[in-house]
Amino acid sequence: MIQEARPESDEQRERSVRIRFLTWLQKVQFYAYTTLVLVLLALGFLWPRIFISVPAGSHAVMYRFFKGGTVTNRVWPEGLNVIPPWDTLTIYETRLQEKTLEFDVLSEEGLDLGVKVSIRYRPNKEMLGFLHQDIGTEYFNRLIKPEVESHVRRTFGSRPAHEIYSSKRDVLQELGQIPVLGRLEEDGAALSSRPYVVIQELKLVDIDLPVIVEQAIADKYKQEQLMLEYRYKLEREENEAERKRTEAAGIRDYNLIVAKVNPDLLRWRSIDATLELAKSENSKVVVLGGGQGAQMLLNVDAAMGGAPAGAAAAAHDEKPKAEPPAPAPPPAAAPAPPPEPVKP
């Protein structure tokens, strides 16, 4: 009897051990799965704080919770950065940025001028940690905007409105020399300032002048244009007077040259002109000659068959004195009183 009971007790013992192991294994699996789920949930929750991606054109500043706060001697570059979840990485865009400001300024006369300026700036990477520590991410509204407005008001306040409009280039040059606040550091025995932000360019986009100033500028421009118009007219009249003087001098020289021509040549040209007129079929009366030169009376009647009839006086042996002809060509001697016409 005793020998038969032992195997049953061993089987029960093995069964109980197996049951305890399975129970322990189920508990271990429960705790393992629970821990894994909790780790995954924690990892999913802390992932954005552990794995930080810095985009292109940006740099980051580290704030260490247990190691002294903001890190000022180093900046974190672009790409993936792994940090402890209790630390913080703040991203700053270090590219060239542009913003436009519109505000009102007063001129020297007290006129209200609307000004629109464009600012191009970028943070200084070497001073990015100090910028984050001293000013923060709102550095444009806290640092750049007040400095720009103050500089523009100071520049325009010392100029009258018309000078601002007329000397716009000089104003732009002055606006480009804006001072930027920086951090004072000891360099040996002296103090040096390193700027937080680099303002690369400051442009004056637009100026809104008062109506009275715009009207005065328009009237001034109109008077300048009228003055230029009168000056142009005066120059044109002077050129026209010079042209007429040149023309008169040419006519005078022409008359002096013609007056020295041989009178026989003039009579010969007169005869040629008379022959050309006589060939015409129209009826006409032509009186040529005069003084002591050749005289000719020509009566051409087209109704009588086109046969010319006329009489000519004999030429004198003496050469007549040549008189200066009229200014207009063809040149000819001064006409004498015409003789009585001969009836055909």
Protein backbone atom coordinates (compact mmCIF):
# COMPACT_ATOMS: atom_id res chain seq x y z
CA MET A 1 0.00 0.00 0.00
CA ILE A 2 2.73 2.43 0.85
CA GLN A 3 4.67 1.71 -2.30
CA GLU A 4 1.62 2.35 -4.48
CA ALA A 5 0.95 5.79 -2.91
CA ARG A 6 4.36 7.28 -3.70
CA PRO A 7 3.95 7.52 -7.44
CA GLU A 8 0.69 9.39 -6.94
CA SER A 9 2.37 11.91 -4.67
CA ASP A 10 5.20 12.47 -7.18
CA GLU A 11 2.73 13.07 -9.92
CA GLN A 12 0.84 15.54 -7.77
CA ARG A 13 4.07 17.25 -6.88
CA GLU A 14 5.12 17.58 -10.51
CA ARG A 15 1.67 18.81 -11.40
CA SER A 16 1.74 21.46 -8.69
CA VAL A 17 5.21 22.59 -9.79
CA ARG A 18 4.03 22.82 -13.35
CA ILE A 19 0.97 24.81 -12.29
CA ARG A 20 3.10 27.25 -10.24
CA PHE A 21 5.51 27.72 -13.15
CA LEU A 22 2.69 28.44 -15.55
CA THR A 23 1.17 30.88 -13.08
CA TRP A 24 4.54 32.63 -12.65
CA LEU A 25 5.06 32.69 -16.40
CA GLN A 26 1.67 34.30 -16.92
CA LYS A 27 2.49 36.93 -14.33
CA VAL A 28 5.88 37.56 -15.94
CA GLN A 29 4.26 37.89 -19.37
CA PHE A 30 1.68 40.28 -17.97
CA TYR A 31 4.33 42.46 -16.34
CA ALA A 32 6.55 42.27 -19.44
CA TYR A 33 3.77 43.24 -21.77
CA THR A 34 2.64 45.97 -19.41
CA THR A 35 6.18 47.30 -19.13
CA LEU A 36 6.65 47.17 -22.89
CA VAL A 37 3.41 49.03 -23.46
CA LEU A 38 4.38 51.63 -20.90
CA VAL A 39 7.84 52.00 -22.45
CA LEU A 40 6.33 52.40 -25.90
CA LEU A 41 3.84 54.95 -24.61
CA ALA A 42 6.61 56.84 -22.82
CA LEU A 43 8.82 56.64 -25.89
CA GLY A 44 6.01 57.89 -28.09
CA PHE A 45 5.34 60.71 -25.66
CA LEU A 46 9.01 61.65 -25.23
CA TRP A 47 10.05 61.10 -28.84
CA PRO A 48 9.71 64.78 -29.83
CA ARG A 49 11.81 65.75 -26.82
CA ILE A 50 14.55 63.21 -27.43
CA PHE A 51 14.92 63.21 -31.20
CA ILE A 52 15.09 66.82 -32.41
CA SER A 53 15.30 67.58 -36.14
CA VAL A 54 16.86 70.95 -36.97
CA PRO A 55 15.72 72.10 -40.44
CA ALA A 56 17.94 73.53 -43.15
CA GLY A 57 19.12 77.09 -42.65
CA SER A 58 18.65 76.89 -38.87
CA HIS A 59 20.66 76.29 -35.72
CA ALA A 60 19.61 75.32 -32.20
CA VAL A 61 20.49 76.40 -28.67
CA MET A 62 20.52 73.87 -25.81
CA TYR A 63 19.04 74.48 -22.36
CA ARG A 64 20.34 71.89 -19.87
CA PHE A 65 18.07 71.36 -16.89
CA PHE A 66 20.71 69.82 -14.64
CA LYS A 67 23.89 71.38 -16.06
CA GLY A 68 23.75 75.14 -15.75
CA GLY A 69 20.98 76.25 -18.08
CA THR A 70 21.64 77.79 -21.51
CA VAL A 71 24.72 76.65 -23.40
CA THR A 72 26.33 79.78 -24.85
CA ASN A 73 29.57 78.39 -26.26
CA ARG A 74 28.01 75.97 -28.73
CA VAL A 75 25.15 75.76 -31.22
CA TRP A 76 23.59 72.57 -32.56
CA PRO A 77 23.73 72.17 -36.37
CA GLU A 78 21.17 71.03 -38.92
CA GLY A 79 19.91 67.45 -38.98
CA LEU A 80 18.89 64.94 -36.29
CA ASN A 81 20.02 65.61 -32.73
CA VAL A 82 19.44 63.21 -29.78
CA ILE A 83 19.16 64.89 -26.38
CA PRO A 84 17.91 63.91 -22.94
CA PRO A 85 14.17 64.44 -22.52
CA TRP A 86 14.65 66.84 -19.62
CA ASP A 87 16.74 69.22 -21.77
CA THR A 88 15.31 71.66 -24.30
CA LEU A 89 16.58 72.53 -27.77
CA THR A 90 15.35 75.87 -29.19
CA ILE A 91 15.63 76.34 -32.96
CA TYR A 92 16.56 79.69 -34.55
CA GLU A 93 16.42 80.41 -38.27
CA THR A 94 19.81 81.78 -39.28
CA ARG A 95 18.96 82.47 -42.93
CA LEU A 96 18.59 85.98 -44.33
CA GLN A 97 15.12 87.17 -43.32
CA GLU A 98 13.03 90.11 -44.49
CA LYS A 99 10.25 92.07 -42.84
CA THR A 100 8.43 95.30 -43.63
CA LEU A 101 7.57 98.02 -41.12
CA GLU A 102 5.07 100.85 -41.57
CA PHE A 103 4.90 103.74 -39.11
CA ASP A 104 4.55 107.52 -38.95
CA VAL A 105 7.39 109.99 -38.41
CA LEU A 106 7.56 113.75 -37.99
CA SER A 107 9.61 115.97 -40.28
CA GLU A 108 11.51 119.07 -39.19
CA GLU A 109 8.41 121.21 -39.79
CA GLY A 110 6.24 118.88 -37.72
CA LEU A 111 4.50 117.29 -40.71
CA ASP A 112 3.29 113.73 -40.32
CA LEU A 113 4.96 111.43 -42.85
CA GLY A 114 4.02 107.81 -43.48
CA VAL A 115 7.15 105.70 -43.90
CA LYS A 116 7.49 102.12 -45.14
CA VAL A 117 10.87 100.41 -44.73
CA SER A 118 12.13 96.93 -45.54
CA ILE A 119 14.62 95.20 -43.21
CA ARG A 120 16.87 92.30 -44.13
CA TYR A 121 18.57 90.69 -41.16
CA ARG A 122 19.92 87.43 -39.76
CA PRO A 123 21.00 86.33 -36.29
CA ASN A 124 24.69 86.18 -35.49
CA LYS A 125 25.49 82.46 -35.10
CA GLU A 126 28.40 83.14 -32.77
CA MET A 127 26.09 85.06 -30.43
CA LEU A 128 23.06 82.77 -30.78
CA GLY A 129 23.39 81.39 -27.24
CA PHE A 130 23.66 84.87 -25.74
CA LEU A 131 20.74 86.02 -27.89
CA HIS A 132 18.61 83.20 -26.49
CA GLN A 133 19.75 83.90 -22.95
CA ASP A 134 19.44 87.70 -23.00
CA ILE A 135 16.56 88.40 -25.39
CA GLY A 136 14.80 85.23 -26.58
CA THR A 137 12.99 84.15 -29.71
CA GLU A 138 11.03 87.43 -29.97
CA TYR A 139 14.22 89.33 -30.70
CA PHE A 140 12.75 91.13 -33.72
CA ASN A 141 10.02 92.89 -31.73
CA ARG A 142 12.26 93.41 -28.72
CA LEU A 143 15.48 94.50 -30.40
CA ILE A 144 15.31 95.20 -34.15
CA LYS A 145 11.96 96.96 -34.50
CA PRO A 146 12.53 99.61 -31.78
CA GLU A 147 16.03 100.33 -33.06
CA VAL A 148 14.88 100.75 -36.66
CA GLU A 149 11.95 103.01 -35.76
CA SER A 150 14.14 105.15 -33.53
CA HIS A 151 16.82 105.48 -36.21
CA VAL A 152 14.32 106.38 -38.96
CA ARG A 153 12.57 108.97 -36.78
CA ARG A 154 15.90 110.48 -35.80
CA THR A 155 17.01 110.66 -39.44
CA PHE A 156 13.79 112.16 -40.79
CA GLY A 157 13.24 114.48 -37.84
CA SER A 158 16.33 116.51 -38.78
CA ARG A 159 15.21 117.09 -42.39
CA PRO A 160 12.39 119.11 -43.95
CA ALA A 161 9.78 117.24 -45.98
CA HIS A 162 10.88 118.56 -49.39
CA GLU A 163 14.51 117.63 -48.66
CA ILE A 164 13.48 114.08 -47.75
CA TYR A 165 11.68 113.79 -51.07
CA SER A 166 14.43 115.37 -53.17
CA SER A 167 17.46 113.71 -51.52
CA LYS A 168 16.08 110.22 -51.17
CA ARG A 169 19.43 108.58 -51.95
CA ASP A 170 21.21 110.34 -49.08
CA VAL A 171 18.44 109.28 -46.70
CA LEU A 172 18.88 105.68 -47.79
CA GLN A 173 22.60 105.87 -47.11
CA GLU A 174 21.95 107.18 -43.62
CA LEU A 175 19.33 104.51 -42.98
CA GLY A 176 21.86 101.83 -43.91
CA GLN A 177 24.11 102.87 -41.01
CA ILE A 178 21.79 101.73 -38.24
CA PRO A 179 23.50 100.69 -35.01
CA VAL A 180 22.52 97.32 -33.49
CA LEU A 181 22.72 96.54 -29.83
CA GLY A 182 25.18 93.86 -28.80
CA ARG A 183 26.63 92.20 -25.74
CA LEU A 184 29.46 93.97 -23.99
CA GLU A 185 32.45 91.74 -23.36
CA GLU A 186 35.77 92.43 -21.73
CA ASP A 187 38.66 92.31 -24.17
CA GLY A 188 41.65 92.85 -21.95
CA ALA A 189 41.30 96.29 -20.40
CA ALA A 190 38.69 97.48 -22.92
CA LEU A 191 35.07 96.60 -23.54
CA SER A 192 33.94 95.39 -26.94
CA SER A 193 30.41 94.96 -28.24
CA ARG A 194 29.41 91.96 -30.32
CA PRO A 195 26.05 92.37 -32.07
CA TYR A 196 23.28 89.87 -31.50
CA VAL A 197 21.81 90.43 -34.99
CA VAL A 198 23.38 91.49 -38.29
CA ILE A 199 21.18 93.95 -40.24
CA GLN A 200 22.35 93.39 -43.79
CA GLU A 201 20.18 95.96 -45.56
CA LEU A 202 17.63 98.63 -44.70
CA LYS A 203 15.59 100.05 -47.59
CA LEU A 204 13.15 102.92 -47.75
CA VAL A 205 10.21 101.48 -49.70
CA ASP A 206 7.68 104.34 -49.67
CA ILE A 207 7.03 107.80 -48.21
CA ASP A 208 3.49 109.07 -47.81
CA LEU A 209 3.72 112.87 -47.90
CA PRO A 210 0.92 115.23 -46.81
CA VAL A 211 -1.35 116.61 -49.53
CA ILE A 212 -0.03 120.16 -49.17
CA VAL A 213 3.55 118.98 -49.65
CA GLU A 214 2.64 116.86 -52.67
CA GLN A 215 0.83 119.84 -54.24
CA ALA A 216 3.81 122.12 -53.60
CA ILE A 217 6.19 119.59 -55.16
CA ALA A 218 3.88 119.21 -58.19
CA ASP A 219 3.71 123.01 -58.65
CA LYS A 220 7.47 123.27 -58.39
CA TYR A 221 7.93 120.56 -60.99
CA LYS A 222 5.42 122.31 -63.27
CA GLN A 223 7.29 125.61 -63.01
CA GLU A 224 10.57 123.86 -63.75
CA GLN A 225 9.08 122.32 -66.87
CA LEU A 226 7.74 125.70 -68.01
CA MET A 227 11.17 127.22 -67.48
CA LEU A 228 12.73 124.46 -69.58
CA GLU A 229 10.11 125.04 -72.26
CA TYR A 230 10.86 128.79 -72.41
CA ARG A 231 14.57 128.08 -72.51
CA TYR A 232 14.04 125.69 -75.41
CA LYS A 233 11.97 128.28 -77.27
CA LEU A 234 14.65 130.92 -76.72
CA GLU A 235 17.37 128.61 -78.02
CA ARG A 236 15.22 127.74 -81.02
CA GLU A 237 14.65 131.42 -81.87
CA GLU A 238 18.35 132.14 -81.49
CA ASN A 239 19.15 129.31 -83.88
CA GLU A 240 16.54 130.59 -86.33
CA ALA A 241 18.02 134.10 -86.17
CA GLU A 242 21.48 132.67 -86.81
CA ARG A 243 20.10 130.74 -89.79
CA LYS A 244 18.54 133.89 -91.25
CA ARG A 245 21.78 135.83 -90.77
CA THR A 246 23.65 133.09 -92.60
CA GLU A 247 21.06 133.11 -95.40
CA ALA A 248 21.25 136.90 -95.73
CA ALA A 249 25.04 136.75 -95.89
CA GLY A 250 24.79 134.15 -98.66
CA ILE A 251 22.36 136.32 -100.66
CA ARG A 252 24.62 139.32 -100.21
CA ASP A 253 27.65 137.41 -101.45
CA TYR A 254 25.59 136.08 -104.36
CA ASN A 255 24.58 139.59 -105.44
CA LEU A 256 28.16 140.81 -105.19
CA ILE A 257 29.35 137.95 -107.39
CA VAL A 258 26.54 138.41 -109.94
CA ALA A 259 27.22 142.14 -110.20
CA LYS A 260 30.74 141.36 -111.45
CA VAL A 261 29.53 139.12 -114.34
CA ASN A 262 30.08 140.34 -117.97
CA PRO A 263 26.91 142.13 -119.28
CA ASP A 264 27.26 140.32 -122.65
CA LEU A 265 26.79 137.03 -120.86
CA LEU A 266 23.68 138.37 -119.18
CA ARG A 267 22.23 139.51 -122.55
CA TRP A 268 22.98 136.12 -124.07
CA ARG A 269 21.15 134.35 -121.23
CA SER A 270 18.25 136.79 -121.68
CA ILE A 271 17.99 135.86 -125.39
CA ASP A 272 17.96 132.14 -124.52
CA ALA A 273 15.15 132.70 -122.05
CA THR A 274 13.21 134.70 -124.67
CA LEU A 275 13.53 131.91 -127.23
CA GLU A 276 12.23 129.37 -124.76
CA LEU A 277 9.22 131.59 -124.06
CA ALA A 278 8.59 132.15 -127.77
CA LYS A 279 8.25 128.39 -128.34
CA SER A 280 5.16 128.29 -126.18
CA GLU A 281 1.73 128.20 -127.90
CA ASN A 282 0.14 130.68 -125.54
CA SER A 283 -0.43 134.32 -126.46
CA LYS A 284 1.87 136.64 -124.59
CA VAL A 285 3.68 139.97 -124.69
CA VAL A 286 7.26 139.87 -123.46
CA VAL A 287 9.39 142.98 -123.00
CA LEU A 288 13.10 142.36 -122.50
CA GLY A 289 16.13 144.55 -122.26
CA GLY A 290 16.46 148.08 -121.05
CA GLY A 291 18.89 150.85 -120.55
CA GLN A 292 21.76 150.81 -123.04
CA GLY A 293 21.55 147.06 -123.69
CA ALA A 294 19.49 145.13 -126.20
CA GLN A 295 15.75 145.78 -126.20
CA MET A 296 13.17 143.38 -127.51
CA LEU A 297 9.39 143.51 -127.88
CA LEU A 298 7.78 140.23 -128.67
CA ASN A 299 4.07 139.62 -129.40
CA VAL A 300 3.05 136.01 -129.86
CA ASP A 301 -0.53 135.23 -130.89
CA ALA A 302 -1.56 131.59 -130.85
CA ALA A 303 -4.80 132.34 -132.76
CA MET A 304 -2.84 133.47 -135.87
CA GLY A 305 -1.12 130.14 -136.35
CA GLY A 306 1.57 130.56 -133.75
CA ALA A 307 3.77 132.80 -135.98
CA PRO A 308 5.63 135.22 -133.76
CA ALA A 309 5.93 138.84 -134.74
CA GLY A 310 8.01 141.52 -133.17
CA ALA A 311 10.66 144.11 -133.53
CA ALA A 312 14.05 144.50 -131.94
CA ALA A 313 16.14 147.58 -131.54
CA ALA A 314 19.75 147.72 -132.62
CA ALA A 315 22.37 147.17 -129.96
CA HIS A 316 24.68 150.05 -129.09
CA ASP A 317 28.41 149.75 -129.46
CA GLU A 318 29.10 151.00 -125.99
CA LYS A 319 28.89 148.56 -123.14
CA PRO A 320 26.35 149.61 -120.56
CA LYS A 321 27.13 149.68 -116.95
CA ALA A 322 25.91 146.55 -115.19
CA GLU A 323 23.50 147.21 -112.43
CA PRO A 324 23.11 144.72 -109.58
CA PRO A 325 20.17 142.43 -110.28
CA ALA A 326 17.34 141.57 -107.96
CA PRO A 327 18.06 139.03 -105.21
CA ALA A 328 15.87 136.32 -106.70
CA PRO A 329 17.15 134.36 -109.74
CA PRO A 330 17.21 134.41 -112.73
CA PRO A 331 19.62 137.35 -112.64
CA ALA A 332 18.92 140.22 -115.04
CA ALA A 333 19.75 143.88 -115.44
CA ALA A 334 17.45 146.51 -114.05
CA PRO A 335 14.64 147.04 -116.59
CA ALA A 336 14.35 150.35 -118.44
CA PRO A 337 11.05 152.03 -119.31
CA PRO A 338 9.46 149.87 -122.02
CA PRO A 339 9.14 151.33 -125.55
CA GLU A 340 5.85 151.78 -127.27
CA PRO A 341 4.47 148.52 -128.57
CA VAL A 342 4.50 147.95 -132.32
CA LYS A 343 1.20 146.90 -133.78
CA PRO A 344 1.32 143.74 -135.80
